[in-house]
């Protein structure tokens, strides 16, 4: 029973994709935000970060918060893990991870 619980929990945690090309994905999010007159939120963190996962869970579970976010923002989970630290992307934004995770970076439609 314990193995099943751990397996299910591990599957639920996959919010961040270490294999994603963050530069391409962020450019697409910026274009989408421009077309929809929204901002972009980059939530930097990883599947190892309990606070990152809790924020995502809370914001999606609460319909009011979820609708507020979706009406104003295009959301992107920027991976930071041993597999892919996305150091060049984080350097572009001034190394915000120096304060800990999760990190929220707000971009306008021009990036």
N, C-alpha and C. Protein backbone atom coordinates (compact mmCIF):
# COMPACT_ATOMS: atom_id res chain seq x y z
N UNK A 1 0.82 -1.19 0.00
CA UNK A 1 0.00 0.00 0.00
C UNK A 1 0.87 1.26 0.00
N UNK A 2 1.93 1.21 0.79
CA UNK A 2 2.83 2.36 0.85
C UNK A 2 3.47 2.63 -0.51
N UNK A 3 3.88 1.61 -1.21
CA UNK A 3 4.48 1.77 -2.54
C UNK A 3 3.50 2.40 -3.52
N UNK A 4 2.26 2.02 -3.45
CA UNK A 4 1.24 2.60 -4.33
C UNK A 4 1.07 4.09 -4.02
N UNK A 5 1.03 4.43 -2.76
CA UNK A 5 0.89 5.83 -2.36
C UNK A 5 2.07 6.66 -2.83
N UNK A 6 3.28 6.14 -2.66
CA UNK A 6 4.47 6.86 -3.10
C UNK A 6 4.47 7.00 -4.61
N UNK A 7 4.07 5.98 -5.32
CA UNK A 7 4.02 6.03 -6.78
C UNK A 7 3.02 7.07 -7.27
N UNK A 8 1.86 7.11 -6.68
CA UNK A 8 0.84 8.09 -7.06
C UNK A 8 1.33 9.50 -6.77
N UNK A 9 1.94 9.70 -5.59
CA UNK A 9 2.46 11.02 -5.23
C UNK A 9 3.54 11.45 -6.21
N UNK A 10 4.41 10.55 -6.60
CA UNK A 10 5.49 10.87 -7.53
C UNK A 10 4.92 11.28 -8.88
N UNK A 11 3.84 10.65 -9.32
CA UNK A 11 3.24 11.01 -10.59
C UNK A 11 2.57 12.37 -10.52
N UNK A 12 1.99 12.73 -9.41
CA UNK A 12 1.32 14.01 -9.26
C UNK A 12 2.31 15.17 -9.25
N UNK A 13 3.52 14.93 -8.84
CA UNK A 13 4.51 15.99 -8.66
C UNK A 13 5.06 16.57 -9.95
N UNK A 14 4.80 15.99 -11.10
CA UNK A 14 5.45 16.39 -12.34
C UNK A 14 4.89 17.70 -12.89
N UNK A 15 5.14 18.78 -12.20
CA UNK A 15 4.72 20.10 -12.63
C UNK A 15 5.77 20.71 -13.56
N UNK A 16 7.03 20.50 -13.24
CA UNK A 16 8.14 21.08 -14.00
C UNK A 16 8.71 20.03 -14.94
N UNK A 17 9.11 20.48 -16.14
CA UNK A 17 9.66 19.57 -17.13
C UNK A 17 11.14 19.89 -17.34
N UNK A 18 12.03 19.06 -16.80
CA UNK A 18 13.47 19.30 -16.97
C UNK A 18 13.92 19.27 -18.43
N UNK A 19 13.20 18.59 -19.29
CA UNK A 19 13.59 18.47 -20.70
C UNK A 19 13.08 19.63 -21.55
N UNK A 20 12.27 20.48 -21.00
CA UNK A 20 11.69 21.58 -21.78
C UNK A 20 12.76 22.57 -22.21
N UNK A 21 12.55 23.19 -23.36
CA UNK A 21 13.41 24.26 -23.83
C UNK A 21 12.80 25.57 -23.35
N UNK A 22 13.28 26.04 -22.22
CA UNK A 22 12.66 27.19 -21.56
C UNK A 22 12.68 28.44 -22.44
N UNK A 23 13.76 28.66 -23.17
CA UNK A 23 13.82 29.85 -24.02
C UNK A 23 12.70 29.85 -25.06
N UNK A 24 12.51 28.73 -25.70
CA UNK A 24 11.45 28.60 -26.72
C UNK A 24 10.08 28.74 -26.06
N UNK A 25 9.89 28.07 -24.94
CA UNK A 25 8.60 28.12 -24.24
C UNK A 25 8.27 29.52 -23.74
N UNK A 26 9.27 30.22 -23.21
CA UNK A 26 9.03 31.58 -22.71
C UNK A 26 8.71 32.52 -23.86
N UNK A 27 9.42 32.39 -24.98
CA UNK A 27 9.10 33.21 -26.16
C UNK A 27 7.66 32.97 -26.61
N UNK A 28 7.23 31.71 -26.60
CA UNK A 28 5.84 31.39 -26.98
C UNK A 28 4.86 31.99 -25.98
N UNK A 29 5.18 31.94 -24.70
CA UNK A 29 4.31 32.51 -23.67
C UNK A 29 4.20 34.02 -23.84
N UNK A 30 5.30 34.68 -24.17
CA UNK A 30 5.29 36.13 -24.38
C UNK A 30 4.42 36.48 -25.59
N UNK A 31 4.54 35.73 -26.67
CA UNK A 31 3.70 35.98 -27.85
C UNK A 31 2.22 35.78 -27.53
N UNK A 32 1.94 34.71 -26.78
CA UNK A 32 0.55 34.45 -26.39
C UNK A 32 0.02 35.57 -25.50
N UNK A 33 0.84 36.02 -24.55
CA UNK A 33 0.43 37.11 -23.66
C UNK A 33 0.17 38.39 -24.45
N UNK A 34 1.00 38.69 -25.42
CA UNK A 34 0.80 39.88 -26.25
C UNK A 34 -0.52 39.80 -27.01
N UNK A 35 -0.80 38.62 -27.57
CA UNK A 35 -2.03 38.44 -28.33
C UNK A 35 -3.27 38.53 -27.45
N UNK A 36 -3.15 38.12 -26.18
CA UNK A 36 -4.29 38.09 -25.27
C UNK A 36 -4.30 39.28 -24.31
N UNK A 37 -3.39 40.22 -24.49
CA UNK A 37 -3.28 41.40 -23.63
C UNK A 37 -3.12 40.99 -22.15
N UNK A 38 -2.15 40.11 -21.91
CA UNK A 38 -1.88 39.60 -20.57
C UNK A 38 -0.40 39.77 -20.23
N UNK A 39 -0.06 39.42 -19.01
CA UNK A 39 1.32 39.34 -18.56
C UNK A 39 1.73 37.88 -18.53
N UNK A 40 3.03 37.65 -18.39
CA UNK A 40 3.57 36.29 -18.25
C UNK A 40 4.09 36.14 -16.83
N UNK A 41 3.78 35.02 -16.20
CA UNK A 41 4.37 34.67 -14.91
C UNK A 41 5.25 33.45 -15.12
N UNK A 42 6.52 33.60 -14.77
CA UNK A 42 7.42 32.46 -14.74
C UNK A 42 7.52 32.04 -13.29
N UNK A 43 7.11 30.83 -13.01
CA UNK A 43 7.27 30.29 -11.65
C UNK A 43 8.48 29.37 -11.70
N UNK A 44 9.61 29.84 -11.21
CA UNK A 44 10.83 29.04 -11.21
C UNK A 44 10.86 28.16 -9.98
N UNK A 45 11.19 26.91 -10.20
CA UNK A 45 11.26 25.94 -9.12
C UNK A 45 11.48 24.56 -9.70
N UNK A 46 11.12 23.57 -8.96
CA UNK A 46 11.31 22.21 -9.45
C UNK A 46 10.36 21.25 -8.78
N UNK A 47 10.31 20.06 -9.32
CA UNK A 47 9.46 19.02 -8.75
C UNK A 47 9.91 18.60 -7.36
N UNK A 48 11.10 18.98 -6.96
CA UNK A 48 11.66 18.69 -5.65
C UNK A 48 11.21 19.72 -4.61
N UNK A 49 10.63 20.84 -5.06
CA UNK A 49 10.30 21.98 -4.19
C UNK A 49 8.86 21.88 -3.69
N UNK A 50 8.71 21.54 -2.41
CA UNK A 50 7.36 21.36 -1.87
C UNK A 50 6.55 22.65 -1.91
N UNK A 51 7.16 23.81 -1.69
CA UNK A 51 6.41 25.07 -1.72
C UNK A 51 5.96 25.40 -3.14
N UNK A 52 6.78 25.04 -4.13
CA UNK A 52 6.40 25.25 -5.53
C UNK A 52 5.16 24.44 -5.87
N UNK A 53 5.18 23.19 -5.46
CA UNK A 53 4.05 22.29 -5.74
C UNK A 53 2.81 22.71 -4.96
N UNK A 54 2.99 23.15 -3.73
CA UNK A 54 1.85 23.58 -2.91
C UNK A 54 1.19 24.82 -3.50
N UNK A 55 2.00 25.78 -3.98
CA UNK A 55 1.41 26.96 -4.58
C UNK A 55 0.58 26.60 -5.80
N UNK A 56 1.14 25.75 -6.66
CA UNK A 56 0.41 25.32 -7.86
C UNK A 56 -0.88 24.61 -7.48
N UNK A 57 -0.79 23.74 -6.50
CA UNK A 57 -1.97 23.00 -6.04
C UNK A 57 -3.04 23.94 -5.48
N UNK A 58 -2.63 24.87 -4.64
CA UNK A 58 -3.56 25.83 -4.04
C UNK A 58 -4.20 26.71 -5.09
N UNK A 59 -3.39 27.24 -6.00
CA UNK A 59 -3.94 28.17 -6.99
C UNK A 59 -4.89 27.49 -7.96
N UNK A 60 -4.68 26.23 -8.26
CA UNK A 60 -5.58 25.52 -9.17
C UNK A 60 -6.82 24.98 -8.44
N UNK A 61 -6.68 24.70 -7.17
CA UNK A 61 -7.79 24.14 -6.40
C UNK A 61 -8.85 25.19 -6.06
N UNK A 62 -8.44 26.43 -5.96
CA UNK A 62 -9.35 27.50 -5.61
C UNK A 62 -9.85 28.16 -6.91
N UNK A 63 -11.10 27.99 -7.26
CA UNK A 63 -11.62 28.52 -8.53
C UNK A 63 -11.45 30.03 -8.67
N UNK A 64 -11.57 30.76 -7.57
CA UNK A 64 -11.42 32.21 -7.64
C UNK A 64 -9.99 32.60 -7.99
N UNK A 65 -9.03 32.00 -7.31
CA UNK A 65 -7.62 32.29 -7.59
C UNK A 65 -7.26 31.84 -9.00
N UNK A 66 -7.70 30.66 -9.38
CA UNK A 66 -7.40 30.13 -10.72
C UNK A 66 -7.94 31.05 -11.81
N UNK A 67 -9.16 31.53 -11.65
CA UNK A 67 -9.73 32.40 -12.69
C UNK A 67 -9.04 33.76 -12.72
N UNK A 68 -8.63 34.27 -11.56
CA UNK A 68 -7.89 35.53 -11.54
C UNK A 68 -6.56 35.40 -12.27
N UNK A 69 -5.85 34.33 -11.99
CA UNK A 69 -4.57 34.09 -12.66
C UNK A 69 -4.76 33.95 -14.16
N UNK A 70 -5.70 33.11 -14.56
CA UNK A 70 -5.89 32.85 -15.99
C UNK A 70 -6.44 34.05 -16.76
N UNK A 71 -7.12 34.95 -16.09
CA UNK A 71 -7.65 36.11 -16.79
C UNK A 71 -6.59 37.17 -17.06
N UNK A 72 -5.50 37.14 -16.31
CA UNK A 72 -4.48 38.19 -16.45
C UNK A 72 -3.10 37.70 -16.85
N UNK A 73 -2.86 36.39 -16.73
CA UNK A 73 -1.50 35.89 -16.91
C UNK A 73 -1.45 34.64 -17.80
N UNK A 74 -0.34 34.51 -18.49
CA UNK A 74 0.06 33.27 -19.12
C UNK A 74 1.12 32.69 -18.18
N UNK A 75 0.90 31.49 -17.71
CA UNK A 75 1.74 30.88 -16.67
C UNK A 75 2.73 29.92 -17.28
N UNK A 76 3.98 29.96 -16.78
CA UNK A 76 4.99 28.99 -17.22
C UNK A 76 5.81 28.54 -16.02
N UNK A 77 5.93 27.22 -15.87
CA UNK A 77 6.76 26.65 -14.80
C UNK A 77 8.17 26.47 -15.33
N UNK A 78 9.08 27.31 -14.86
CA UNK A 78 10.48 27.30 -15.28
C UNK A 78 11.25 26.34 -14.39
N UNK A 79 11.73 25.28 -14.99
CA UNK A 79 12.41 24.22 -14.23
C UNK A 79 13.78 24.66 -13.71
N UNK A 80 14.05 24.28 -12.48
CA UNK A 80 15.39 24.37 -11.89
C UNK A 80 15.60 23.06 -11.15
N UNK A 81 16.49 22.23 -11.69
CA UNK A 81 16.77 20.95 -11.08
C UNK A 81 18.19 20.53 -11.45
N UNK A 82 18.65 19.44 -10.87
CA UNK A 82 20.00 18.98 -11.20
C UNK A 82 20.09 18.58 -12.67
N UNK A 83 18.97 18.17 -13.27
CA UNK A 83 18.97 17.80 -14.69
C UNK A 83 19.06 19.02 -15.60
N UNK A 84 18.46 20.13 -15.18
CA UNK A 84 18.43 21.33 -16.00
C UNK A 84 18.20 22.54 -15.10
N UNK A 85 19.24 23.30 -14.88
CA UNK A 85 19.14 24.46 -13.99
C UNK A 85 18.68 25.73 -14.71
N UNK A 86 18.60 25.68 -16.03
CA UNK A 86 18.20 26.87 -16.81
C UNK A 86 18.96 28.11 -16.35
N UNK A 87 20.25 27.95 -16.14
CA UNK A 87 21.07 29.04 -15.62
C UNK A 87 21.09 30.26 -16.53
N UNK A 88 21.12 30.05 -17.85
CA UNK A 88 21.14 31.19 -18.76
C UNK A 88 19.85 31.99 -18.70
N UNK A 89 18.72 31.31 -18.55
CA UNK A 89 17.44 32.00 -18.44
C UNK A 89 17.37 32.78 -17.13
N UNK A 90 17.76 32.15 -16.04
CA UNK A 90 17.73 32.83 -14.74
C UNK A 90 18.74 33.98 -14.69
N UNK A 91 19.87 33.84 -15.37
CA UNK A 91 20.85 34.93 -15.43
C UNK A 91 20.24 36.15 -16.12
N UNK A 92 19.46 35.89 -17.16
CA UNK A 92 18.80 36.97 -17.90
C UNK A 92 17.92 37.82 -16.99
N UNK A 93 17.33 37.18 -16.00
CA UNK A 93 16.42 37.89 -15.09
C UNK A 93 17.08 38.26 -13.76
N UNK A 94 18.41 38.23 -13.71
CA UNK A 94 19.12 38.73 -12.53
C UNK A 94 19.29 37.72 -11.41
N UNK A 95 19.29 36.46 -11.72
CA UNK A 95 19.49 35.39 -10.72
C UNK A 95 18.49 35.48 -9.56
N UNK A 96 17.20 35.51 -9.84
CA UNK A 96 16.21 35.65 -8.76
C UNK A 96 16.18 34.47 -7.80
N UNK A 97 16.71 33.33 -8.20
CA UNK A 97 16.70 32.15 -7.34
C UNK A 97 17.61 32.30 -6.12
N UNK A 98 18.41 33.34 -6.08
CA UNK A 98 19.29 33.55 -4.93
C UNK A 98 18.50 33.76 -3.64
N UNK A 99 17.23 34.06 -3.76
CA UNK A 99 16.37 34.26 -2.60
C UNK A 99 15.62 33.00 -2.20
N UNK A 100 15.73 31.94 -3.00
CA UNK A 100 15.03 30.69 -2.71
C UNK A 100 13.94 30.42 -3.73
N UNK A 101 13.22 29.35 -3.51
CA UNK A 101 12.17 28.92 -4.42
C UNK A 101 10.87 28.75 -3.68
N UNK A 102 9.74 28.94 -4.34
CA UNK A 102 9.59 29.31 -5.73
C UNK A 102 9.95 30.77 -5.96
N UNK A 103 10.27 31.07 -7.21
CA UNK A 103 10.54 32.43 -7.65
C UNK A 103 9.48 32.79 -8.68
N UNK A 104 8.90 33.94 -8.54
CA UNK A 104 7.89 34.41 -9.49
C UNK A 104 8.46 35.60 -10.25
N UNK A 105 8.54 35.47 -11.56
CA UNK A 105 9.05 36.52 -12.43
C UNK A 105 7.91 36.97 -13.32
N UNK A 106 7.57 38.26 -13.26
CA UNK A 106 6.47 38.80 -14.06
C UNK A 106 7.05 39.53 -15.26
N UNK A 107 6.57 39.17 -16.43
CA UNK A 107 7.00 39.81 -17.67
C UNK A 107 5.81 40.47 -18.34
N UNK A 108 6.07 41.59 -18.99
CA UNK A 108 5.00 42.18 -19.79
C UNK A 108 4.99 41.52 -21.16
N UNK A 109 4.13 41.99 -22.04
CA UNK A 109 3.97 41.35 -23.35
C UNK A 109 5.18 41.57 -24.26
N UNK A 110 6.11 42.40 -23.83
CA UNK A 110 7.35 42.61 -24.58
C UNK A 110 8.49 41.76 -24.02
N UNK A 111 8.22 41.07 -22.95
CA UNK A 111 9.23 40.19 -22.33
C UNK A 111 10.09 40.91 -21.34
